[in-house]
PDB file of N, CA and C in Angstrom:
ATOM      1  N   MET A   1      64.739  86.351-143.327  1.00  0.00           N
ATOM      2  CA  MET A   1      65.247  85.054-143.807  1.00  0.00           C
ATOM      3  C   MET A   1      65.692  84.197-142.622  1.00  0.00           C
ATOM      4  N   LEU A   2      65.351  82.920-142.681  1.00  0.00           N
ATOM      5  CA  LEU A   2      65.761  82.003-141.627  1.00  0.00           C
ATOM      6  C   LEU A   2      67.142  81.455-141.928  1.00  0.00           C
ATOM      7  N   PRO A   3      67.943  81.244-140.904  1.00  0.00           N
ATOM      8  CA  PRO A   3      69.237  80.600-141.131  1.00  0.00           C
ATOM      9  C   PRO A   3      69.046  79.181-141.655  1.00  0.00           C
ATOM     10  N   ALA A   4      69.991  78.747-142.485  1.00  0.00           N
ATOM     11  CA  ALA A   4      69.838  77.451-143.152  1.00  0.00           C
ATOM     12  C   ALA A   4      69.937  76.289-142.174  1.00  0.00           C
ATOM     13  N   GLN A   5      70.561  76.500-141.009  1.00  0.00           N
ATOM     14  CA  GLN A   5      70.793  75.382-140.106  1.00  0.00           C
ATOM     15  C   GLN A   5      69.671  75.201-139.088  1.00  0.00           C
ATOM     16  N   VAL A   6      68.533  75.847-139.295  1.00  0.00           N
ATOM     17  CA  VAL A   6      67.430  75.681-138.341  1.00  0.00           C
ATOM     18  C   VAL A   6      66.869  74.261-138.449  1.00  0.00           C
ATOM     19  N   ASP A   7      66.633  73.660-137.299  1.00  0.00           N
ATOM     20  CA  ASP A   7      66.089  72.302-137.268  1.00  0.00           C
ATOM     21  C   ASP A   7      64.627  72.329-137.724  1.00  0.00           C
ATOM     22  N   PRO A   8      64.269  71.523-138.721  1.00  0.00           N
ATOM     23  CA  PRO A   8      62.875  71.551-139.204  1.00  0.00           C
ATOM     24  C   PRO A   8      61.862  71.168-138.132  1.00  0.00           C
ATOM     25  N   THR A   9      62.267  70.353-137.153  1.00  0.00           N
ATOM     26  CA  THR A   9      61.310  70.012-136.097  1.00  0.00           C
ATOM     27  C   THR A   9      60.967  71.241-135.268  1.00  0.00           C
ATOM     28  N   VAL A  10      61.948  72.109-135.060  1.00  0.00           N
ATOM     29  CA  VAL A  10      61.684  73.346-134.322  1.00  0.00           C
ATOM     30  C   VAL A  10      60.733  74.220-135.127  1.00  0.00           C
ATOM     31  N   LEU A  11      60.958  74.294-136.435  1.00  0.00           N
ATOM     32  CA  LEU A  11      60.066  75.087-137.283  1.00  0.00           C
ATOM     33  C   LEU A  11      58.649  74.535-137.216  1.00  0.00           C
ATOM     34  N   ASN A  12      58.506  73.223-137.260  1.00  0.00           N
ATOM     35  CA  ASN A  12      57.176  72.632-137.200  1.00  0.00           C
ATOM     36  C   ASN A  12      56.507  72.946-135.873  1.00  0.00           C
ATOM     37  N   LYS A  13      57.274  72.879-134.777  1.00  0.00           N
ATOM     38  CA  LYS A  13      56.691  73.201-133.471  1.00  0.00           C
ATOM     39  C   LYS A  13      56.236  74.651-133.439  1.00  0.00           C
ATOM     40  N   GLU A  14      57.058  75.549-133.984  1.00  0.00           N
ATOM     41  CA  GLU A  14      56.657  76.960-133.974  1.00  0.00           C
ATOM     42  C   GLU A  14      55.421  77.169-134.830  1.00  0.00           C
ATOM     43  N   ARG A  15      55.344  76.479-135.966  1.00  0.00           N
ATOM     44  CA  ARG A  15      54.177  76.637-136.834  1.00  0.00           C
ATOM     45  C   ARG A  15      52.930  76.123-136.127  1.00  0.00           C
ATOM     46  N   LEU A  16      53.053  74.971-135.456  1.00  0.00           N
ATOM     47  CA  LEU A  16      51.908  74.445-134.718  1.00  0.00           C
ATOM     48  C   LEU A  16      51.490  75.406-133.617  1.00  0.00           C
ATOM     49  N   TYR A  17      52.474  75.982-132.930  1.00  0.00           N
ATOM     50  CA  TYR A  17      52.172  76.925-131.854  1.00  0.00           C
ATOM     51  C   TYR A  17      51.435  78.141-132.407  1.00  0.00           C
ATOM     52  N   LEU A  18      51.895  78.646-133.558  1.00  0.00           N
ATOM     53  CA  LEU A  18      51.224  79.792-134.180  1.00  0.00           C
ATOM     54  C   LEU A  18      49.797  79.419-134.557  1.00  0.00           C
ATOM     55  N   ASN A  19      49.621  78.241-135.159  1.00  0.00           N
ATOM     56  CA  ASN A  19      48.279  77.830-135.558  1.00  0.00           C
ATOM     57  C   ASN A  19      47.365  77.709-134.345  1.00  0.00           C
ATOM     58  N   ASP A  20      47.880  77.125-133.251  1.00  0.00           N
ATOM     59  CA  ASP A  20      47.059  76.991-132.046  1.00  0.00           C
ATOM     60  C   ASP A  20      46.681  78.364-131.501  1.00  0.00           C
ATOM     61  N   GLY A  21      47.627  79.305-131.526  1.00  0.00           N
ATOM     62  CA  GLY A  21      47.340  80.642-131.032  1.00  0.00           C
ATOM     63  C   GLY A  21      46.265  81.320-131.861  1.00  0.00           C
ATOM     64  N   LEU A  22      46.355  81.171-133.191  1.00  0.00           N
ATOM     65  CA  LEU A  22      45.347  81.779-134.054  1.00  0.00           C
ATOM     66  C   LEU A  22      43.991  81.131-133.819  1.00  0.00           C
ATOM     67  N   LYS A  23      43.968  79.811-133.658  1.00  0.00           N
ATOM     68  CA  LYS A  23      42.693  79.133-133.429  1.00  0.00           C
ATOM     69  C   LYS A  23      42.065  79.592-132.123  1.00  0.00           C
ATOM     70  N   SER A  24      42.881  79.705-131.060  1.00  0.00           N
ATOM     71  CA  SER A  24      42.308  80.106-129.775  1.00  0.00           C
ATOM     72  C   SER A  24      41.814  81.547-129.836  1.00  0.00           C
ATOM     73  N   LEU A  25      42.542  82.408-130.570  1.00  0.00           N
ATOM     74  CA  LEU A  25      42.065  83.788-130.737  1.00  0.00           C
ATOM     75  C   LEU A  25      40.733  83.794-131.472  1.00  0.00           C
ATOM     76  N   TYR A  26      40.620  82.986-132.520  1.00  0.00           N
ATOM     77  CA  TYR A  26      39.384  82.913-133.301  1.00  0.00           C
ATOM     78  C   TYR A  26      38.229  82.427-132.426  1.00  0.00           C
ATOM     79  N   VAL A  27      38.499  81.390-131.625  1.00  0.00           N
ATOM     80  CA  VAL A  27      37.444  80.859-130.754  1.00  0.00           C
ATOM     81  C   VAL A  27      37.021  81.912-129.740  1.00  0.00           C
ATOM     82  N   LYS A  28      37.991  82.626-129.163  1.00  0.00           N
ATOM     83  CA  LYS A  28      37.642  83.658-128.175  1.00  0.00           C
ATOM     84  C   LYS A  28      36.796  84.751-128.818  1.00  0.00           C
ATOM     85  N   ALA A  29      37.178  85.178-130.020  1.00  0.00           N
ATOM     86  CA  ALA A  29      36.415  86.225-130.697  1.00  0.00           C
ATOM     87  C   ALA A  29      35.010  85.727-131.006  1.00  0.00           C
ATOM     88  N   LYS A  30      34.893  84.464-131.431  1.00  0.00           N
ATOM     89  CA  LYS A  30      33.582  83.921-131.745  1.00  0.00           C
ATOM     90  C   LYS A  30      32.723  83.868-130.488  1.00  0.00           C
ATOM     91  N   MET A  31      33.306  83.435-129.364  1.00  0.00           N
ATOM     92  CA  MET A  31      32.542  83.371-128.125  1.00  0.00           C
ATOM     93  C   MET A  31      32.102  84.771-127.690  1.00  0.00           C
ATOM     94  N   GLN A  32      32.970  85.756-127.872  1.00  0.00           N
ATOM     95  CA  GLN A  32      32.599  87.125-127.502  1.00  0.00           C
ATOM     96  C   GLN A  32      31.447  87.613-128.380  1.00  0.00           C
ATOM     97  N   CYS A  33      31.493  87.293-129.675  1.00  0.00           N
ATOM     98  CA  CYS A  33      30.406  87.708-130.571  1.00  0.00           C
ATOM     99  C   CYS A  33      29.096  87.062-130.125  1.00  0.00           C
ATOM    100  N   PHE A  34      29.133  85.753-129.846  1.00  0.00           N
ATOM    101  CA  PHE A  34      27.912  85.055-129.461  1.00  0.00           C
ATOM    102  C   PHE A  34      27.371  85.597-128.145  1.00  0.00           C
ATOM    103  N   SER A  35      28.252  85.855-127.185  1.00  0.00           N
ATOM    104  CA  SER A  35      27.768  86.369-125.900  1.00  0.00           C
ATOM    105  C   SER A  35      27.234  87.786-126.081  1.00  0.00           C
ATOM    106  N   GLY A  36      27.787  88.539-127.027  1.00  0.00           N
ATOM    107  CA  GLY A  36      27.278  89.874-127.317  1.00  0.00           C
ATOM    108  C   GLY A  36      25.879  89.815-127.903  1.00  0.00           C
ATOM    109  N   TRP A  37      25.589  88.725-128.640  1.00  0.00           N
ATOM    110  CA  TRP A  37      24.253  88.564-129.215  1.00  0.00           C
ATOM    111  C   TRP A  37      23.291  87.894-128.239  1.00  0.00           C
ATOM    112  N   GLY A  38      23.800  87.516-127.064  1.00  0.00           N
ATOM    113  CA  GLY A  38      22.945  86.859-126.082  1.00  0.00           C
ATOM    114  C   GLY A  38      22.615  85.422-126.444  1.00  0.00           C
ATOM    115  N   LEU A  39      23.519  84.747-127.164  1.00  0.00           N
ATOM    116  CA  LEU A  39      23.238  83.376-127.593  1.00  0.00           C
ATOM    117  C   LEU A  39      23.878  82.344-126.682  1.00  0.00           C
ATOM    118  N   THR A  40      24.591  82.774-125.641  1.00  0.00           N
ATOM    119  CA  THR A  40      25.240  81.780-124.781  1.00  0.00           C
ATOM    120  C   THR A  40      24.409  81.558-123.529  1.00  0.00           C
TER     121      THR A  40
END
């Protein structure tokens, strides 16, 4: 549970950071798959 006094802007920044991290992981995995298939 998050404390009630957390600043929503901080939460939004953390959510954006998490989303960016997941996207970059997805892109890296996709690039590895493509290079494994010899498509790059």
